[in-house]
Amino acid sequence: MGTFRPCPRCESDTVARCGRCDAPLCRRHRPRAQARCRVCERDYRDEAPVRNQVKALLGLPPGAIATTLVFTALVPFAGSVTAAIAVAACAALAGTGTTAALFRAVDRAARAQFLREHGRPLPEARVVRLLPPHSR
């Protein structure tokens, strides 16, 4: 990946700001909906190995448990070769489906958190005087 070179237009002809880092953006570099500037999106892509580790940590054990439970529950019905194949297929589908659902959930949560984060400084603090309670 090449390094990011700031566009001179982004500073002079600013039409938008990144919702995450507040960088000025010109019309050409304005991100589409549900996206951030090129630098932020590259940061998100660079964090993919960490997300993949989290997915493996959170997704694979429940998938294995689902496979085991379905296989254990259906083994008594595996009287013939065809039934045994059907039981194995059901167990494999249960494990795969569970793992895929958890992988999608981790990806969705990571993307939502990425879109929510922002590097803008906190607003200036103000002292607020509380009103006295109403007398009855």
N, C-alpha and C. Protein backbone atom coordinates (compact mmCIF):
# COMPACT_ATOMS: atom_id res chain seq x y z
N MET A 1 0.82 -1.17 0.00
CA MET A 1 0.00 0.00 0.00
C MET A 1 0.87 1.25 0.00
N GLY A 2 0.53 2.18 -0.83
CA GLY A 2 1.29 3.43 -0.87
C GLY A 2 0.89 4.33 0.28
N THR A 3 1.74 5.31 0.52
CA THR A 3 1.43 6.26 1.58
C THR A 3 0.43 7.28 1.06
N PHE A 4 -0.31 7.85 1.97
CA PHE A 4 -1.34 8.81 1.61
C PHE A 4 -0.70 10.18 1.42
N ARG A 5 -0.97 10.79 0.28
CA ARG A 5 -0.53 12.15 0.03
C ARG A 5 -1.75 13.05 0.07
N PRO A 6 -1.77 14.04 0.96
CA PRO A 6 -2.95 14.90 1.04
C PRO A 6 -3.17 15.67 -0.26
N CYS A 7 -4.40 15.83 -0.60
CA CYS A 7 -4.79 16.56 -1.80
C CYS A 7 -4.84 18.05 -1.44
N PRO A 8 -4.20 18.92 -2.25
CA PRO A 8 -4.26 20.34 -1.94
C PRO A 8 -5.67 20.91 -2.00
N ARG A 9 -6.53 20.30 -2.83
CA ARG A 9 -7.92 20.75 -2.93
C ARG A 9 -8.70 20.49 -1.66
N CYS A 10 -8.35 19.40 -0.97
CA CYS A 10 -9.08 19.08 0.26
C CYS A 10 -8.97 20.22 1.27
N GLU A 11 -7.83 20.88 1.31
CA GLU A 11 -7.65 22.01 2.22
C GLU A 11 -8.32 23.28 1.70
N SER A 12 -8.23 23.52 0.39
CA SER A 12 -8.74 24.78 -0.14
C SER A 12 -10.22 24.73 -0.49
N ASP A 13 -10.70 23.63 -1.06
CA ASP A 13 -12.10 23.51 -1.49
C ASP A 13 -12.84 22.47 -0.66
N THR A 14 -12.82 22.62 0.63
CA THR A 14 -13.45 21.65 1.53
C THR A 14 -14.97 21.66 1.35
N VAL A 15 -15.53 20.47 1.08
CA VAL A 15 -16.99 20.35 0.97
C VAL A 15 -17.55 19.44 2.06
N ALA A 16 -16.67 18.67 2.72
CA ALA A 16 -17.11 17.76 3.76
C ALA A 16 -15.95 17.50 4.71
N ARG A 17 -16.27 16.88 5.82
CA ARG A 17 -15.24 16.45 6.77
C ARG A 17 -15.49 15.00 7.10
N CYS A 18 -14.40 14.28 7.35
CA CYS A 18 -14.52 12.87 7.73
C CYS A 18 -15.23 12.81 9.08
N GLY A 19 -16.20 11.92 9.19
CA GLY A 19 -16.95 11.79 10.43
C GLY A 19 -16.16 11.15 11.55
N ARG A 20 -14.99 10.62 11.24
CA ARG A 20 -14.19 9.94 12.25
C ARG A 20 -13.01 10.79 12.69
N CYS A 21 -12.21 11.29 11.73
CA CYS A 21 -11.00 12.04 12.09
C CYS A 21 -11.15 13.54 11.86
N ASP A 22 -12.27 13.96 11.30
CA ASP A 22 -12.56 15.38 11.06
C ASP A 22 -11.63 16.01 10.04
N ALA A 23 -11.02 15.20 9.16
CA ALA A 23 -10.14 15.74 8.12
C ALA A 23 -10.97 16.44 7.05
N PRO A 24 -10.49 17.56 6.52
CA PRO A 24 -11.22 18.23 5.44
C PRO A 24 -11.12 17.42 4.16
N LEU A 25 -12.23 17.38 3.39
CA LEU A 25 -12.27 16.58 2.16
C LEU A 25 -12.88 17.39 1.03
N CYS A 26 -12.29 17.28 -0.15
CA CYS A 26 -12.84 17.95 -1.33
C CYS A 26 -13.93 17.06 -1.94
N ARG A 27 -14.57 17.56 -2.97
CA ARG A 27 -15.66 16.82 -3.61
C ARG A 27 -15.19 15.46 -4.13
N ARG A 28 -13.97 15.41 -4.65
CA ARG A 28 -13.44 14.16 -5.21
C ARG A 28 -13.18 13.10 -4.13
N HIS A 29 -12.77 13.52 -2.95
CA HIS A 29 -12.40 12.58 -1.89
C HIS A 29 -13.48 12.41 -0.82
N ARG A 30 -14.62 13.03 -1.04
CA ARG A 30 -15.72 12.88 -0.08
C ARG A 30 -16.15 11.42 -0.03
N PRO A 31 -16.20 10.81 1.15
CA PRO A 31 -16.57 9.39 1.23
C PRO A 31 -18.06 9.18 0.97
N ARG A 32 -18.38 7.99 0.50
CA ARG A 32 -19.78 7.64 0.28
C ARG A 32 -20.44 7.34 1.64
N ALA A 33 -21.72 7.11 1.63
CA ALA A 33 -22.45 6.83 2.87
C ALA A 33 -21.88 5.57 3.54
N GLN A 34 -21.86 5.55 4.84
CA GLN A 34 -21.34 4.45 5.64
C GLN A 34 -19.86 4.19 5.38
N ALA A 35 -19.11 5.24 5.04
CA ALA A 35 -17.67 5.13 4.84
C ALA A 35 -17.00 6.36 5.43
N ARG A 36 -15.71 6.28 5.57
CA ARG A 36 -14.93 7.39 6.09
C ARG A 36 -13.83 7.72 5.08
N CYS A 37 -12.98 8.66 5.41
CA CYS A 37 -11.93 9.09 4.48
C CYS A 37 -10.96 7.93 4.19
N ARG A 38 -10.12 8.12 3.19
CA ARG A 38 -9.20 7.06 2.77
C ARG A 38 -8.27 6.62 3.89
N VAL A 39 -7.80 7.55 4.68
CA VAL A 39 -6.87 7.21 5.77
C VAL A 39 -7.58 6.36 6.82
N CYS A 40 -8.77 6.76 7.20
CA CYS A 40 -9.53 5.99 8.20
C CYS A 40 -9.90 4.61 7.67
N GLU A 41 -10.34 4.54 6.41
CA GLU A 41 -10.69 3.24 5.83
C GLU A 41 -9.47 2.33 5.75
N ARG A 42 -8.30 2.90 5.48
CA ARG A 42 -7.08 2.09 5.46
C ARG A 42 -6.77 1.59 6.86
N ASP A 43 -6.97 2.43 7.87
CA ASP A 43 -6.78 1.99 9.26
C ASP A 43 -7.71 0.82 9.59
N TYR A 44 -8.95 0.90 9.11
CA TYR A 44 -9.92 -0.18 9.36
C TYR A 44 -9.45 -1.48 8.69
N ARG A 45 -8.98 -1.38 7.45
CA ARG A 45 -8.48 -2.57 6.75
C ARG A 45 -7.24 -3.14 7.43
N ASP A 46 -6.39 -2.25 7.97
CA ASP A 46 -5.17 -2.72 8.63
C ASP A 46 -5.47 -3.48 9.92
N GLU A 47 -6.64 -3.25 10.50
CA GLU A 47 -7.03 -3.95 11.73
C GLU A 47 -7.70 -5.29 11.45
N ALA A 48 -7.79 -5.71 10.20
CA ALA A 48 -8.45 -6.97 9.84
C ALA A 48 -7.83 -8.18 10.53
N PRO A 49 -6.51 -8.29 10.66
CA PRO A 49 -5.96 -9.47 11.35
C PRO A 49 -6.45 -9.60 12.79
N VAL A 50 -6.60 -8.49 13.48
CA VAL A 50 -7.11 -8.54 14.86
C VAL A 50 -8.56 -9.01 14.86
N ARG A 51 -9.37 -8.48 13.92
CA ARG A 51 -10.77 -8.92 13.84
C ARG A 51 -10.85 -10.40 13.52
N ASN A 52 -9.98 -10.90 12.66
CA ASN A 52 -9.99 -12.32 12.33
C ASN A 52 -9.63 -13.18 13.53
N GLN A 53 -8.71 -12.71 14.37
CA GLN A 53 -8.39 -13.45 15.59
C GLN A 53 -9.58 -13.47 16.54
N VAL A 54 -10.26 -12.35 16.65
CA VAL A 54 -11.44 -12.30 17.53
C VAL A 54 -12.51 -13.23 17.00
N LYS A 55 -12.70 -13.25 15.67
CA LYS A 55 -13.70 -14.14 15.08
C LYS A 55 -13.36 -15.59 15.36
N ALA A 56 -12.08 -15.95 15.23
CA ALA A 56 -11.68 -17.33 15.51
C ALA A 56 -11.88 -17.68 16.98
N LEU A 57 -11.57 -16.73 17.84
CA LEU A 57 -11.70 -16.96 19.28
C LEU A 57 -13.16 -17.10 19.70
N LEU A 58 -14.03 -16.25 19.12
CA LEU A 58 -15.43 -16.25 19.52
C LEU A 58 -16.32 -17.16 18.68
N GLY A 59 -15.95 -17.42 17.43
CA GLY A 59 -16.83 -18.14 16.53
C GLY A 59 -16.62 -19.63 16.45
N LEU A 60 -15.39 -20.07 16.55
CA LEU A 60 -15.12 -21.50 16.36
C LEU A 60 -15.59 -22.39 17.51
N PRO A 61 -15.37 -22.03 18.78
CA PRO A 61 -15.87 -22.91 19.85
C PRO A 61 -17.39 -23.11 19.83
N PRO A 62 -18.20 -22.06 19.68
CA PRO A 62 -19.65 -22.31 19.61
C PRO A 62 -20.04 -23.16 18.39
N GLY A 63 -19.32 -23.01 17.29
CA GLY A 63 -19.59 -23.84 16.11
C GLY A 63 -19.31 -25.30 16.39
N ALA A 64 -18.22 -25.57 17.09
CA ALA A 64 -17.88 -26.95 17.46
C ALA A 64 -18.91 -27.52 18.43
N ILE A 65 -19.35 -26.69 19.36
CA ILE A 65 -20.36 -27.15 20.32
C ILE A 65 -21.68 -27.44 19.61
N ALA A 66 -22.08 -26.56 18.69
CA ALA A 66 -23.33 -26.80 17.94
C ALA A 66 -23.24 -28.07 17.12
N THR A 67 -22.11 -28.31 16.49
CA THR A 67 -21.92 -29.53 15.71
C THR A 67 -22.05 -30.76 16.61
N THR A 68 -21.39 -30.72 17.75
CA THR A 68 -21.43 -31.85 18.68
C THR A 68 -22.84 -32.10 19.21
N LEU A 69 -23.53 -31.03 19.58
CA LEU A 69 -24.89 -31.20 20.12
C LEU A 69 -25.85 -31.78 19.09
N VAL A 70 -25.81 -31.27 17.88
CA VAL A 70 -26.72 -31.76 16.84
C VAL A 70 -26.37 -33.21 16.50
N PHE A 71 -25.09 -33.50 16.39
CA PHE A 71 -24.68 -34.87 16.08
C PHE A 71 -25.12 -35.83 17.18
N THR A 72 -24.91 -35.43 18.44
CA THR A 72 -25.30 -36.28 19.58
C THR A 72 -26.81 -36.48 19.62
N ALA A 73 -27.56 -35.44 19.31
CA ALA A 73 -29.02 -35.55 19.36
C ALA A 73 -29.56 -36.43 18.23
N LEU A 74 -28.90 -36.41 17.07
CA LEU A 74 -29.43 -37.14 15.92
C LEU A 74 -28.80 -38.52 15.70
N VAL A 75 -27.74 -38.86 16.43
CA VAL A 75 -27.09 -40.16 16.25
C VAL A 75 -28.04 -41.34 16.42
N PRO A 76 -28.99 -41.30 17.37
CA PRO A 76 -29.89 -42.45 17.50
C PRO A 76 -30.71 -42.72 16.23
N PHE A 77 -30.86 -41.74 15.36
CA PHE A 77 -31.65 -41.91 14.14
C PHE A 77 -30.80 -42.39 12.97
N ALA A 78 -29.51 -42.61 13.18
CA ALA A 78 -28.61 -43.00 12.10
C ALA A 78 -28.55 -44.53 11.99
N GLY A 79 -29.65 -45.14 11.62
CA GLY A 79 -29.71 -46.60 11.51
C GLY A 79 -29.13 -47.12 10.21
N SER A 80 -29.19 -46.36 9.15
CA SER A 80 -28.66 -46.80 7.86
C SER A 80 -27.56 -45.83 7.41
N VAL A 81 -26.91 -46.17 6.33
CA VAL A 81 -25.85 -45.33 5.80
C VAL A 81 -26.42 -43.97 5.36
N THR A 82 -27.57 -43.99 4.71
CA THR A 82 -28.19 -42.75 4.26
C THR A 82 -28.55 -41.86 5.44
N ALA A 83 -29.09 -42.44 6.49
CA ALA A 83 -29.45 -41.66 7.68
C ALA A 83 -28.20 -41.13 8.36
N ALA A 84 -27.12 -41.91 8.40
CA ALA A 84 -25.87 -41.46 9.01
C ALA A 84 -25.30 -40.26 8.24
N ILE A 85 -25.40 -40.32 6.92
CA ILE A 85 -24.93 -39.19 6.10
C ILE A 85 -25.78 -37.96 6.37
N ALA A 86 -27.08 -38.14 6.49
CA ALA A 86 -27.98 -37.02 6.78
C ALA A 86 -27.67 -36.42 8.16
N VAL A 87 -27.41 -37.26 9.15
CA VAL A 87 -27.07 -36.78 10.49
C VAL A 87 -25.77 -35.99 10.45
N ALA A 88 -24.76 -36.50 9.75
CA ALA A 88 -23.49 -35.80 9.65
C ALA A 88 -23.67 -34.46 8.92
N ALA A 89 -24.49 -34.44 7.88
CA ALA A 89 -24.73 -33.21 7.14
C ALA A 89 -25.44 -32.18 8.01
N CYS A 90 -26.42 -32.62 8.78
CA CYS A 90 -27.14 -31.70 9.68
C CYS A 90 -26.19 -31.13 10.73
N ALA A 91 -25.32 -31.97 11.27
CA ALA A 91 -24.37 -31.50 12.27
C ALA A 91 -23.40 -30.50 11.66
N ALA A 92 -22.92 -30.78 10.46
CA ALA A 92 -22.00 -29.86 9.79
C ALA A 92 -22.67 -28.53 9.48
N LEU A 93 -23.93 -28.58 9.02
CA LEU A 93 -24.67 -27.34 8.74
C LEU A 93 -24.90 -26.53 10.01
N ALA A 94 -25.18 -27.19 11.11
CA ALA A 94 -25.41 -26.48 12.37
C ALA A 94 -24.14 -25.77 12.81
N GLY A 95 -23.01 -26.44 12.75
CA GLY A 95 -21.74 -25.83 13.15
C GLY A 95 -21.33 -24.70 12.23
N THR A 96 -21.48 -24.92 10.92
CA THR A 96 -21.12 -23.90 9.95
C THR A 96 -22.02 -22.67 10.09
N GLY A 97 -23.31 -22.90 10.24
CA GLY A 97 -24.25 -21.79 10.39
C GLY A 97 -23.99 -20.98 11.64
N THR A 98 -23.71 -21.65 12.75
CA THR A 98 -23.42 -20.96 14.00
C THR A 98 -22.16 -20.11 13.87
N THR A 99 -21.12 -20.70 13.29
CA THR A 99 -19.86 -19.98 13.12
C THR A 99 -20.03 -18.79 12.18
N ALA A 100 -20.72 -18.99 11.08
CA ALA A 100 -20.93 -17.90 10.12
C ALA A 100 -21.73 -16.76 10.75
N ALA A 101 -22.74 -17.08 11.53
CA ALA A 101 -23.54 -16.05 12.19
C ALA A 101 -22.69 -15.24 13.17
N LEU A 102 -21.84 -15.92 13.92
CA LEU A 102 -20.98 -15.20 14.85
C LEU A 102 -19.93 -14.36 14.12
N PHE A 103 -19.41 -14.87 13.01
CA PHE A 103 -18.45 -14.09 12.22
C PHE A 103 -19.12 -12.82 11.70
N ARG A 104 -20.34 -12.93 11.19
CA ARG A 104 -21.07 -11.75 10.70
C ARG A 104 -21.34 -10.77 11.83
N ALA A 105 -21.67 -11.28 13.00
CA ALA A 105 -21.94 -10.40 14.14
C ALA A 105 -20.69 -9.63 14.55
N VAL A 106 -19.54 -10.29 14.56
CA VAL A 106 -18.29 -9.60 14.91
C VAL A 106 -17.98 -8.54 13.87
N ASP A 107 -18.12 -8.87 12.58
CA ASP A 107 -17.86 -7.90 11.52
C ASP A 107 -18.80 -6.70 11.61
N ARG A 108 -20.08 -6.97 11.85
CA ARG A 108 -21.07 -5.88 11.96
C ARG A 108 -20.74 -4.97 13.14
N ALA A 109 -20.41 -5.58 14.28
CA ALA A 109 -20.11 -4.79 15.48
C ALA A 109 -18.82 -3.98 15.28
N ALA A 110 -17.82 -4.58 14.65
CA ALA A 110 -16.57 -3.86 14.42
C ALA A 110 -16.77 -2.68 13.47
N ARG A 111 -17.57 -2.89 12.42
CA ARG A 111 -17.81 -1.79 11.47
C ARG A 111 -18.62 -0.68 12.14
N ALA A 112 -19.62 -1.04 12.93
CA ALA A 112 -20.42 -0.03 13.62
C ALA A 112 -19.56 0.77 14.60
N GLN A 113 -18.68 0.10 15.31
CA GLN A 113 -17.80 0.80 16.24
C GLN A 113 -16.85 1.72 15.48
N PHE A 114 -16.33 1.24 14.36
CA PHE A 114 -15.44 2.06 13.54
C PHE A 114 -16.15 3.31 13.04
N LEU A 115 -17.39 3.19 12.61
CA LEU A 115 -18.13 4.34 12.10
C LEU A 115 -18.48 5.31 13.22
N ARG A 116 -18.64 4.81 14.45
CA ARG A 116 -18.98 5.67 15.59
C ARG A 116 -17.78 6.44 16.13
N GLU A 117 -16.60 5.84 16.08
CA GLU A 117 -15.42 6.46 16.66
C GLU A 117 -15.10 7.77 15.96
N HIS A 118 -14.62 8.70 16.71
CA HIS A 118 -14.16 9.94 16.10
C HIS A 118 -12.98 10.49 16.90
N GLY A 119 -12.11 11.16 16.20
CA GLY A 119 -10.92 11.69 16.82
C GLY A 119 -11.04 13.16 17.14
N ARG A 120 -12.23 13.70 16.99
CA ARG A 120 -12.41 15.11 17.28
C ARG A 120 -12.24 15.36 18.77
N PRO A 121 -11.70 16.51 19.13
CA PRO A 121 -11.55 16.81 20.56
C PRO A 121 -12.92 17.00 21.21
N LEU A 122 -12.95 16.82 22.50
CA LEU A 122 -14.19 17.02 23.24
C LEU A 122 -14.57 18.50 23.19
N PRO A 123 -15.86 18.80 23.26
CA PRO A 123 -16.25 20.21 23.28
C PRO A 123 -15.74 20.88 24.55
N GLU A 124 -15.67 22.19 24.48
CA GLU A 124 -15.19 22.96 25.62
C GLU A 124 -16.13 22.76 26.81
N ALA A 125 -15.53 22.55 27.97
CA ALA A 125 -16.32 22.33 29.19
C ALA A 125 -16.93 23.65 29.65
N ARG A 126 -18.17 23.57 30.12
CA ARG A 126 -18.84 24.76 30.66
C ARG A 126 -19.40 24.43 32.03
N VAL A 127 -19.38 25.42 32.89
CA VAL A 127 -19.96 25.25 34.22
C VAL A 127 -21.45 25.55 34.11
N VAL A 128 -22.26 24.63 34.59
CA VAL A 128 -23.71 24.78 34.52
C VAL A 128 -24.22 24.90 35.95
N ARG A 129 -24.98 25.97 36.21
CA ARG A 129 -25.55 26.17 37.54
C ARG A 129 -26.89 25.45 37.60
N LEU A 130 -27.07 24.66 38.63
CA LEU A 130 -28.34 23.97 38.80
C LEU A 130 -29.37 24.92 39.36
N LEU A 131 -30.60 24.76 38.92
CA LEU A 131 -31.71 25.58 39.41
C LEU A 131 -32.15 25.04 40.76
N PRO A 132 -32.62 25.93 41.64
CA PRO A 132 -33.12 25.43 42.93
C PRO A 132 -34.39 24.60 42.73
N PRO A 133 -34.60 23.61 43.59
CA PRO A 133 -35.82 22.80 43.45
C PRO A 133 -37.06 23.63 43.70
N HIS A 134 -38.16 23.23 43.07
CA HIS A 134 -39.43 23.95 43.25
C HIS A 134 -39.96 23.76 44.66
N SER A 135 -40.46 24.83 45.23
CA SER A 135 -41.04 24.72 46.57
C SER A 135 -42.53 24.41 46.42
N ARG A 136 -43.01 23.56 47.26
CA ARG A 136 -44.42 23.17 47.19
C ARG A 136 -45.23 23.86 48.22
